[in-house]
Amino acid sequence: MPLVAAIRQWQCAWGISMDYQVSVAGSGRYILIKVLVPMTSAIGARCGAEAFRLGVEKNLTGYLFDLRDAPNVQSVVDNYEFAHKEISGFGFPKDSRSAFLVRPDDRSHDFITTALFNAGYVTKLFSDEASAVAWLEREPPAVPKWRDRFL
C-alpha cells in the first residue's frame, strides 16, 4: 500500500483529516471549519457533517467555513445538487448561520453560496474575517422572518 494511502487510512480510522480542521472558535461562539484542499461536495459533506455534530454537542449554530485555501472546483450542477439534495442527507440545520470566508479575488464560491441560500440555508460570503466573525456573533433579531431581515 502506498504511504499516502496508508496515512489516509490511519487518519480515517482515528477520525483525523488533513483535508480540513473542525474546532470550536476561540470565543466559544461558533464552529470554525478550515478547509485545506480544493472544495468539492465530498469535502463539504465530510467537514459539514463533522461541524454539525460538534455544533450539536456544544449547542452552537454558527459556522465559519474558512475557504481561503480551498477554491471551489466543482461544476454549477454539482454545487446545485449539493445545496438542494446532499446537504440534507446529514441534517445540516437551516436555522444555523454559515459564513464563507474567501480570498478577495476568489469568485468560485459565489454560486454555491447563492444555491445554499435559495435552498433555505442562512449563508453569507465574506472576504474579511473580522466581518464574518461579527456577523456570526451578532444576535439575530427576534422577528417572524428574521432570516430575511438579518441578511
Foldseek 3Di string as FASTA:
>chain_A
DDPVVVVVVVCVVVVHDPQWDWDQDPVNAAIEIEGQEADALVVCLVSLLVRQVVCVVSVHQEYEYECANYAHPDDLVRLLCSLQPVNPVSPNDQPGEYEYAYAPPRCRCVSSQVSNVVNRHHYDYHPDPVVSVCLRRDDQDPDPPSSVVSD
